[in-house]
Amino acid sequence: MDRSRPDPWVPTADGRELVVTVHYPAARHGAGRPARYATTEEARLLVRGLGIESSVPAGELASMRTHSRVGARPAADGRHPP
């Protein structure tokens, strides 16, 4: 959180926050536990925001499996996907 600069999209916010997502090739062994797609609350807000809550149950969306892993170690060879 950078409180020394205002957020250009939310002028009333108490500072500016930068959210970053990092993708990297992960080691195949000891790759950590499966990551959740979303919490039920996140899924509920998403389907409501998209106007599809009557056809997509938030609980079902939140329980989707992903190929992401929590705590995955980077691949040792350091190569990145093309």
PDB file of N, CA and C in Angstrom:
ATOM      1  N   MET A   1       0.854  -1.171   0.000  1.00  0.00           N
ATOM      2  CA  MET A   1       0.000   0.000   0.000  1.00  0.00           C
ATOM      3  C   MET A   1       0.899   1.233   0.000  1.00  0.00           C
ATOM      4  N   ASP A   2       0.678   2.110  -0.963  1.00  0.00           N
ATOM      5  CA  ASP A   2       1.447   3.352  -1.051  1.00  0.00           C
ATOM      6  C   ASP A   2       0.513   4.499  -0.685  1.00  0.00           C
ATOM      7  N   ARG A   3       0.640   4.992   0.529  1.00  0.00           N
ATOM      8  CA  ARG A   3      -0.242   6.062   1.007  1.00  0.00           C
ATOM      9  C   ARG A   3       0.230   7.449   0.564  1.00  0.00           C
ATOM     10  N   SER A   4       1.387   7.524  -0.073  1.00  0.00           N
ATOM     11  CA  SER A   4       1.897   8.835  -0.502  1.00  0.00           C
ATOM     12  C   SER A   4       1.314   9.271  -1.845  1.00  0.00           C
ATOM     13  N   ARG A   5       0.633   8.362  -2.565  1.00  0.00           N
ATOM     14  CA  ARG A   5       0.038   8.717  -3.863  1.00  0.00           C
ATOM     15  C   ARG A   5      -1.431   8.320  -3.887  1.00  0.00           C
ATOM     16  N   PRO A   6      -2.277   9.163  -4.447  1.00  0.00           N
ATOM     17  CA  PRO A   6      -3.699   8.818  -4.543  1.00  0.00           C
ATOM     18  C   PRO A   6      -3.936   7.764  -5.621  1.00  0.00           C
ATOM     19  N   ASP A   7      -4.965   6.993  -5.427  1.00  0.00           N
ATOM     20  CA  ASP A   7      -5.363   5.997  -6.428  1.00  0.00           C
ATOM     21  C   ASP A   7      -6.100   6.731  -7.542  1.00  0.00           C
ATOM     22  N   PRO A   8      -5.634   6.642  -8.810  1.00  0.00           N
ATOM     23  CA  PRO A   8      -6.286   7.389  -9.890  1.00  0.00           C
ATOM     24  C   PRO A   8      -7.701   6.897 -10.202  1.00  0.00           C
ATOM     25  N   TRP A   9      -8.032   5.655  -9.835  1.00  0.00           N
ATOM     26  CA  TRP A   9      -9.362   5.118 -10.130  1.00  0.00           C
ATOM     27  C   TRP A   9     -10.306   5.246  -8.947  1.00  0.00           C
ATOM     28  N   VAL A  10      -9.748   5.364  -7.742  1.00  0.00           N
ATOM     29  CA  VAL A  10     -10.574   5.519  -6.541  1.00  0.00           C
ATOM     30  C   VAL A  10      -9.980   6.659  -5.714  1.00  0.00           C
ATOM     31  N   PRO A  11     -10.298   7.904  -6.083  1.00  0.00           N
ATOM     32  CA  PRO A  11      -9.709   9.063  -5.407  1.00  0.00           C
ATOM     33  C   PRO A  11      -9.981   9.117  -3.906  1.00  0.00           C
ATOM     34  N   THR A  12     -11.038   8.468  -3.442  1.00  0.00           N
ATOM     35  CA  THR A  12     -11.366   8.496  -2.011  1.00  0.00           C
ATOM     36  C   THR A  12     -10.621   7.418  -1.216  1.00  0.00           C
ATOM     37  N   ALA A  13      -9.874   6.536  -1.889  1.00  0.00           N
ATOM     38  CA  ALA A  13      -9.133   5.466  -1.196  1.00  0.00           C
ATOM     39  C   ALA A  13      -7.988   6.048  -0.374  1.00  0.00           C
ATOM     40  N   ASP A  14      -7.620   5.343   0.663  1.00  0.00           N
ATOM     41  CA  ASP A  14      -6.535   5.770   1.547  1.00  0.00           C
ATOM     42  C   ASP A  14      -5.194   5.249   1.018  1.00  0.00           C
ATOM     43  N   GLY A  15      -4.812   5.690  -0.150  1.00  0.00           N
ATOM     44  CA  GLY A  15      -3.558   5.254  -0.761  1.00  0.00           C
ATOM     45  C   GLY A  15      -3.790   4.448  -2.023  1.00  0.00           C
ATOM     46  N   ARG A  16      -2.704   3.983  -2.566  1.00  0.00           N
ATOM     47  CA  ARG A  16      -2.736   3.232  -3.820  1.00  0.00           C
ATOM     48  C   ARG A  16      -2.172   1.844  -3.564  1.00  0.00           C
ATOM     49  N   GLU A  17      -2.880   0.824  -4.034  1.00  0.00           N
ATOM     50  CA  GLU A  17      -2.458  -0.550  -3.811  1.00  0.00           C
ATOM     51  C   GLU A  17      -2.211  -1.225  -5.147  1.00  0.00           C
ATOM     52  N   LEU A  18      -1.129  -1.937  -5.246  1.00  0.00           N
ATOM     53  CA  LEU A  18      -0.778  -2.650  -6.459  1.00  0.00           C
ATOM     54  C   LEU A  18      -0.879  -4.144  -6.189  1.00  0.00           C
ATOM     55  N   VAL A  19      -1.681  -4.840  -6.987  1.00  0.00           N
ATOM     56  CA  VAL A  19      -1.847  -6.280  -6.850  1.00  0.00           C
ATOM     57  C   VAL A  19      -1.145  -6.936  -8.035  1.00  0.00           C
ATOM     58  N   VAL A  20      -0.316  -7.927  -7.756  1.00  0.00           N
ATOM     59  CA  VAL A  20       0.491  -8.570  -8.784  1.00  0.00           C
ATOM     60  C   VAL A  20       0.256 -10.071  -8.758  1.00  0.00           C
ATOM     61  N   THR A  21       0.146 -10.672  -9.930  1.00  0.00           N
ATOM     62  CA  THR A  21       0.071 -12.124 -10.071  1.00  0.00           C
ATOM     63  C   THR A  21       1.319 -12.586 -10.796  1.00  0.00           C
ATOM     64  N   VAL A  22       1.970 -13.605 -10.257  1.00  0.00           N
ATOM     65  CA  VAL A  22       3.195 -14.119 -10.860  1.00  0.00           C
ATOM     66  C   VAL A  22       2.954 -15.555 -11.317  1.00  0.00           C
ATOM     67  N   HIS A  23       3.323 -15.835 -12.569  1.00  0.00           N
ATOM     68  CA  HIS A  23       3.248 -17.192 -13.110  1.00  0.00           C
ATOM     69  C   HIS A  23       4.663 -17.635 -13.415  1.00  0.00           C
ATOM     70  N   TYR A  24       4.999 -18.855 -13.057  1.00  0.00           N
ATOM     71  CA  TYR A  24       6.336 -19.372 -13.336  1.00  0.00           C
ATOM     72  C   TYR A  24       6.257 -20.881 -13.513  1.00  0.00           C
ATOM     73  N   PRO A  25       7.213 -21.468 -14.251  1.00  0.00           N
ATOM     74  CA  PRO A  25       7.213 -22.930 -14.394  1.00  0.00           C
ATOM     75  C   PRO A  25       7.544 -23.557 -13.042  1.00  0.00           C
ATOM     76  N   ALA A  26       6.745 -24.512 -12.617  1.00  0.00           N
ATOM     77  CA  ALA A  26       6.919 -25.131 -11.305  1.00  0.00           C
ATOM     78  C   ALA A  26       7.557 -26.505 -11.420  1.00  0.00           C
ATOM     79  N   ALA A  27       8.252 -26.889 -10.354  1.00  0.00           N
ATOM     80  CA  ALA A  27       8.844 -28.221 -10.276  1.00  0.00           C
ATOM     81  C   ALA A  27       7.718 -29.255 -10.259  1.00  0.00           C
ATOM     82  N   ARG A  28       7.955 -30.392 -10.864  1.00  0.00           N
ATOM     83  CA  ARG A  28       6.924 -31.430 -10.920  1.00  0.00           C
ATOM     84  C   ARG A  28       6.741 -32.148  -9.584  1.00  0.00           C
ATOM     85  N   HIS A  29       7.814 -32.317  -8.820  1.00  0.00           N
ATOM     86  CA  HIS A  29       7.735 -33.069  -7.568  1.00  0.00           C
ATOM     87  C   HIS A  29       7.680 -32.113  -6.384  1.00  0.00           C
ATOM     88  N   GLY A  30       6.880 -32.473  -5.404  1.00  0.00           N
ATOM     89  CA  GLY A  30       6.755 -31.622  -4.221  1.00  0.00           C
ATOM     90  C   GLY A  30       6.147 -30.277  -4.545  1.00  0.00           C
ATOM     91  N   ALA A  31       5.148 -30.280  -5.433  1.00  0.00           N
ATOM     92  CA  ALA A  31       4.606 -29.036  -5.961  1.00  0.00           C
ATOM     93  C   ALA A  31       3.581 -28.357  -5.070  1.00  0.00           C
ATOM     94  N   GLY A  32       3.364 -28.820  -3.854  1.00  0.00           N
ATOM     95  CA  GLY A  32       2.404 -28.159  -2.986  1.00  0.00           C
ATOM     96  C   GLY A  32       0.993 -28.694  -3.161  1.00  0.00           C
ATOM     97  N   ARG A  33       0.075 -28.101  -2.442  1.00  0.00           N
ATOM     98  CA  ARG A  33      -1.322 -28.566  -2.503  1.00  0.00           C
ATOM     99  C   ARG A  33      -2.076 -27.826  -3.602  1.00  0.00           C
ATOM    100  N   PRO A  34      -3.161 -28.428  -4.124  1.00  0.00           N
ATOM    101  CA  PRO A  34      -3.937 -27.765  -5.178  1.00  0.00           C
ATOM    102  C   PRO A  34      -4.496 -26.423  -4.696  1.00  0.00           C
ATOM    103  N   ALA A  35      -4.448 -25.431  -5.564  1.00  0.00           N
ATOM    104  CA  ALA A  35      -4.983 -24.104  -5.242  1.00  0.00           C
ATOM    105  C   ALA A  35      -6.477 -24.074  -5.531  1.00  0.00           C
ATOM    106  N   ARG A  36      -7.214 -23.356  -4.712  1.00  0.00           N
ATOM    107  CA  ARG A  36      -8.649 -23.192  -4.944  1.00  0.00           C
ATOM    108  C   ARG A  36      -8.865 -22.213  -6.088  1.00  0.00           C
ATOM    109  N   TYR A  37      -9.945 -22.396  -6.829  1.00  0.00           N
ATOM    110  CA  TYR A  37     -10.294 -21.448  -7.892  1.00  0.00           C
ATOM    111  C   TYR A  37     -10.686 -20.118  -7.266  1.00  0.00           C
ATOM    112  N   ALA A  38     -11.513 -20.178  -6.238  1.00  0.00           N
ATOM    113  CA  ALA A  38     -11.988 -18.975  -5.550  1.00  0.00           C
ATOM    114  C   ALA A  38     -12.669 -19.401  -4.266  1.00  0.00           C
ATOM    115  N   THR A  39     -12.822 -18.468  -3.332  1.00  0.00           N
ATOM    116  CA  THR A  39     -13.640 -18.752  -2.159  1.00  0.00           C
ATOM    117  C   THR A  39     -15.104 -18.680  -2.595  1.00  0.00           C
ATOM    118  N   THR A  40     -15.992 -19.207  -1.778  1.00  0.00           N
ATOM    119  CA  THR A  40     -17.418 -19.150  -2.117  1.00  0.00           C
ATOM    120  C   THR A  40     -17.882 -17.703  -2.210  1.00  0.00           C
ATOM    121  N   GLU A  41     -17.383 -16.845  -1.321  1.00  0.00           N
ATOM    122  CA  GLU A  41     -17.774 -15.424  -1.350  1.00  0.00           C
ATOM    123  C   GLU A  41     -17.264 -14.743  -2.625  1.00  0.00           C
ATOM    124  N   GLU A  42     -16.024 -15.028  -3.024  1.00  0.00           N
ATOM    125  CA  GLU A  42     -15.494 -14.467  -4.272  1.00  0.00           C
ATOM    126  C   GLU A  42     -16.324 -14.931  -5.461  1.00  0.00           C
ATOM    127  N   ALA A  43     -16.655 -16.221  -5.489  1.00  0.00           N
ATOM    128  CA  ALA A  43     -17.461 -16.765  -6.585  1.00  0.00           C
ATOM    129  C   ALA A  43     -18.860 -16.138  -6.595  1.00  0.00           C
ATOM    130  N   ARG A  44     -19.432 -15.949  -5.411  1.00  0.00           N
ATOM    131  CA  ARG A  44     -20.767 -15.331  -5.319  1.00  0.00           C
ATOM    132  C   ARG A  44     -20.745 -13.924  -5.897  1.00  0.00           C
ATOM    133  N   LEU A  45     -19.731 -13.149  -5.537  1.00  0.00           N
ATOM    134  CA  LEU A  45     -19.623 -11.783  -6.055  1.00  0.00           C
ATOM    135  C   LEU A  45     -19.371 -11.779  -7.558  1.00  0.00           C
ATOM    136  N   LEU A  46     -18.578 -12.728  -8.045  1.00  0.00           N
ATOM    137  CA  LEU A  46     -18.291 -12.810  -9.474  1.00  0.00           C
ATOM    138  C   LEU A  46     -19.547 -13.126 -10.281  1.00  0.00           C
ATOM    139  N   VAL A  47     -20.283 -14.173  -9.888  1.00  0.00           N
ATOM    140  CA  VAL A  47     -21.476 -14.531 -10.674  1.00  0.00           C
ATOM    141  C   VAL A  47     -22.547 -13.450 -10.571  1.00  0.00           C
ATOM    142  N   ARG A  48     -22.627 -12.803  -9.420  1.00  0.00           N
ATOM    143  CA  ARG A  48     -23.590 -11.696  -9.283  1.00  0.00           C
ATOM    144  C   ARG A  48     -23.183 -10.539 -10.193  1.00  0.00           C
ATOM    145  N   GLY A  49     -21.894 -10.206 -10.200  1.00  0.00           N
ATOM    146  CA  GLY A  49     -21.404  -9.112 -11.041  1.00  0.00           C
ATOM    147  C   GLY A  49     -21.597  -9.386 -12.524  1.00  0.00           C
ATOM    148  N   LEU A  50     -21.524 -10.658 -12.906  1.00  0.00           N
ATOM    149  CA  LEU A  50     -21.730 -11.030 -14.312  1.00  0.00           C
ATOM    150  C   LEU A  50     -23.207 -11.243 -14.648  1.00  0.00           C
ATOM    151  N   GLY A  51     -24.052 -11.215 -13.609  1.00  0.00           N
ATOM    152  CA  GLY A  51     -25.488 -11.400 -13.830  1.00  0.00           C
ATOM    153  C   GLY A  51     -25.862 -12.825 -14.194  1.00  0.00           C
ATOM    154  N   ILE A  52     -25.074 -13.804 -13.718  1.00  0.00           N
ATOM    155  CA  ILE A  52     -25.345 -15.207 -14.077  1.00  0.00           C
ATOM    156  C   ILE A  52     -25.620 -16.068 -12.846  1.00  0.00           C
ATOM    157  N   GLU A  53     -25.946 -15.423 -11.703  1.00  0.00           N
ATOM    158  CA  GLU A  53     -26.142 -16.179 -10.471  1.00  0.00           C
ATOM    159  C   GLU A  53     -27.283 -17.183 -10.534  1.00  0.00           C
ATOM    160  N   SER A  54     -28.250 -16.979 -11.425  1.00  0.00           N
ATOM    161  CA  SER A  54     -29.356 -17.936 -11.524  1.00  0.00           C
ATOM    162  C   SER A  54     -28.961 -19.204 -12.277  1.00  0.00           C
ATOM    163  N   SER A  55     -27.891 -19.149 -13.057  1.00  0.00           N
ATOM    164  CA  SER A  55     -27.479 -20.329 -13.819  1.00  0.00           C
ATOM    165  C   SER A  55     -26.150 -20.940 -13.370  1.00  0.00           C
ATOM    166  N   VAL A  56     -25.368 -20.214 -12.570  1.00  0.00           N
ATOM    167  CA  VAL A  56     -24.078 -20.727 -12.096  1.00  0.00           C
ATOM    168  C   VAL A  56     -24.041 -20.622 -10.573  1.00  0.00           C
ATOM    169  N   PRO A  57     -24.199 -21.745  -9.873  1.00  0.00           N
ATOM    170  CA  PRO A  57     -24.137 -21.700  -8.411  1.00  0.00           C
ATOM    171  C   PRO A  57     -22.734 -21.326  -7.925  1.00  0.00           C
ATOM    172  N   ALA A  58     -22.646 -20.380  -7.020  1.00  0.00           N
ATOM    173  CA  ALA A  58     -21.352 -19.907  -6.523  1.00  0.00           C
ATOM    174  C   ALA A  58     -20.542 -21.029  -5.891  1.00  0.00           C
ATOM    175  N   GLY A  59     -21.197 -21.909  -5.154  1.00  0.00           N
ATOM    176  CA  GLY A  59     -20.494 -23.020  -4.516  1.00  0.00           C
ATOM    177  C   GLY A  59     -19.852 -23.953  -5.522  1.00  0.00           C
ATOM    178  N   GLU A  60     -20.553 -24.185  -6.628  1.00  0.00           N
ATOM    179  CA  GLU A  60     -20.004 -25.046  -7.678  1.00  0.00           C
ATOM    180  C   GLU A  60     -18.794 -24.389  -8.339  1.00  0.00           C
ATOM    181  N   LEU A  61     -18.910 -23.107  -8.614  1.00  0.00           N
ATOM    182  CA  LEU A  61     -17.799 -22.380  -9.221  1.00  0.00           C
ATOM    183  C   LEU A  61     -16.590 -22.373  -8.280  1.00  0.00           C
ATOM    184  N   ALA A  62     -16.811 -22.140  -7.005  1.00  0.00           N
ATOM    185  CA  ALA A  62     -15.722 -22.091  -6.026  1.00  0.00           C
ATOM    186  C   ALA A  62     -15.028 -23.435  -5.874  1.00  0.00           C
ATOM    187  N   SER A  63     -15.732 -24.529  -6.129  1.00  0.00           N
ATOM    188  CA  SER A  63     -15.137 -25.855  -5.941  1.00  0.00           C
ATOM    189  C   SER A  63     -14.453 -26.398  -7.188  1.00  0.00           C
ATOM    190  N   MET A  64     -14.370 -25.602  -8.248  1.00  0.00           N
ATOM    191  CA  MET A  64     -13.700 -26.069  -9.470  1.00  0.00           C
ATOM    192  C   MET A  64     -12.240 -26.392  -9.189  1.00  0.00           C
ATOM    193  N   ARG A  65     -11.725 -27.400  -9.844  1.00  0.00           N
ATOM    194  CA  ARG A  65     -10.311 -27.757  -9.711  1.00  0.00           C
ATOM    195  C   ARG A  65      -9.474 -26.904 -10.643  1.00  0.00           C
ATOM    196  N   THR A  66      -8.243 -26.663 -10.237  1.00  0.00           N
ATOM    197  CA  THR A  66      -7.319 -25.904 -11.065  1.00  0.00           C
ATOM    198  C   THR A  66      -6.019 -26.698 -11.208  1.00  0.00           C
ATOM    199  N   HIS A  67      -5.160 -26.267 -12.103  1.00  0.00           N
ATOM    200  CA  HIS A  67      -3.836 -26.868 -12.230  1.00  0.00           C
ATOM    201  C   HIS A  67      -2.821 -26.096 -11.398  1.00  0.00           C
ATOM    202  N   SER A  68      -3.258 -25.037 -10.751  1.00  0.00           N
ATOM    203  CA  SER A  68      -2.380 -24.218  -9.913  1.00  0.00           C
ATOM    204  C   SER A  68      -2.101 -24.928  -8.595  1.00  0.00           C
ATOM    205  N   ARG A  69      -0.947 -24.644  -8.021  1.00  0.00           N
ATOM    206  CA  ARG A  69      -0.553 -25.240  -6.760  1.00  0.00           C
ATOM    207  C   ARG A  69      -0.121 -24.148  -5.792  1.00  0.00           C
ATOM    208  N   VAL A  70      -0.485 -24.291  -4.532  1.00  0.00           N
ATOM    209  CA  VAL A  70      -0.067 -23.368  -3.490  1.00  0.00           C
ATOM    210  C   VAL A  70       1.297 -23.826  -2.989  1.00  0.00           C
ATOM    211  N   GLY A  71       2.257 -22.917  -2.938  1.00  0.00           N
ATOM    212  CA  GLY A  71       3.578 -23.247  -2.432  1.00  0.00           C
ATOM    213  C   GLY A  71       4.449 -24.021  -3.401  1.00  0.00           C
ATOM    214  N   ALA A  72       4.116 -23.993  -4.687  1.00  0.00           N
ATOM    215  CA  ALA A  72       4.917 -24.716  -5.678  1.00  0.00           C
ATOM    216  C   ALA A  72       6.302 -24.086  -5.793  1.00  0.00           C
ATOM    217  N   ARG A  73       7.305 -24.928  -5.856  1.00  0.00           N
ATOM    218  CA  ARG A  73       8.678 -24.438  -6.014  1.00  0.00           C
ATOM    219  C   ARG A  73       8.957 -24.208  -7.483  1.00  0.00           C
ATOM    220  N   PRO A  74       9.766 -23.208  -7.821  1.00  0.00           N
ATOM    221  CA  PRO A  74      10.121 -22.973  -9.228  1.00  0.00           C
ATOM    222  C   PRO A  74      10.901 -24.159  -9.797  1.00  0.00           C
ATOM    223  N   ALA A  75      10.743 -24.379 -11.097  1.00  0.00           N
ATOM    224  CA  ALA A  75      11.500 -25.419 -11.774  1.00  0.00           C
ATOM    225  C   ALA A  75      12.990 -25.096 -11.676  1.00  0.00           C
ATOM    226  N   ALA A  76      13.806 -26.098 -11.486  1.00  0.00           N
ATOM    227  CA  ALA A  76      15.244 -25.903 -11.272  1.00  0.00           C
ATOM    228  C   ALA A  76      15.974 -25.411 -12.515  1.00  0.00           C
ATOM    229  N   ASP A  77      15.499 -25.758 -13.710  1.00  0.00           N
ATOM    230  CA  ASP A  77      16.241 -25.395 -14.905  1.00  0.00           C
ATOM    231  C   ASP A  77      16.076 -23.940 -15.310  1.00  0.00           C
ATOM    232  N   GLY A  78      15.106 -23.224 -14.747  1.00  0.00           N
ATOM    233  CA  GLY A  78      14.953 -21.806 -15.004  1.00  0.00           C
ATOM    234  C   GLY A  78      14.385 -21.443 -16.360  1.00  0.00           C
ATOM    235  N   ARG A  79      13.963 -22.437 -17.150  1.00  0.00           N
ATOM    236  CA  ARG A  79      13.381 -22.117 -18.452  1.00  0.00           C
ATOM    237  C   ARG A  79      11.947 -21.630 -18.279  1.00  0.00           C
ATOM    238  N   HIS A  80      11.507 -20.821 -19.209  1.00  0.00           N
ATOM    239  CA  HIS A  80      10.142 -20.308 -19.151  1.00  0.00           C
ATOM    240  C   HIS A  80       9.380 -20.759 -20.387  1.00  0.00           C
ATOM    241  N   PRO A  81       8.063 -20.860 -20.292  1.00  0.00           N
ATOM    242  CA  PRO A  81       7.287 -21.281 -21.454  1.00  0.00           C
ATOM    243  C   PRO A  81       7.445 -20.300 -22.601  1.00  0.00           C
ATOM    244  N   PRO A  82       7.325 -20.780 -23.858  1.00  0.00           N
ATOM    245  CA  PRO A  82       7.462 -19.873 -25.020  1.00  0.00           C
ATOM    246  C   PRO A  82       6.350 -18.855 -25.083  1.00  0.00           C
TER     247      PRO A  82
END
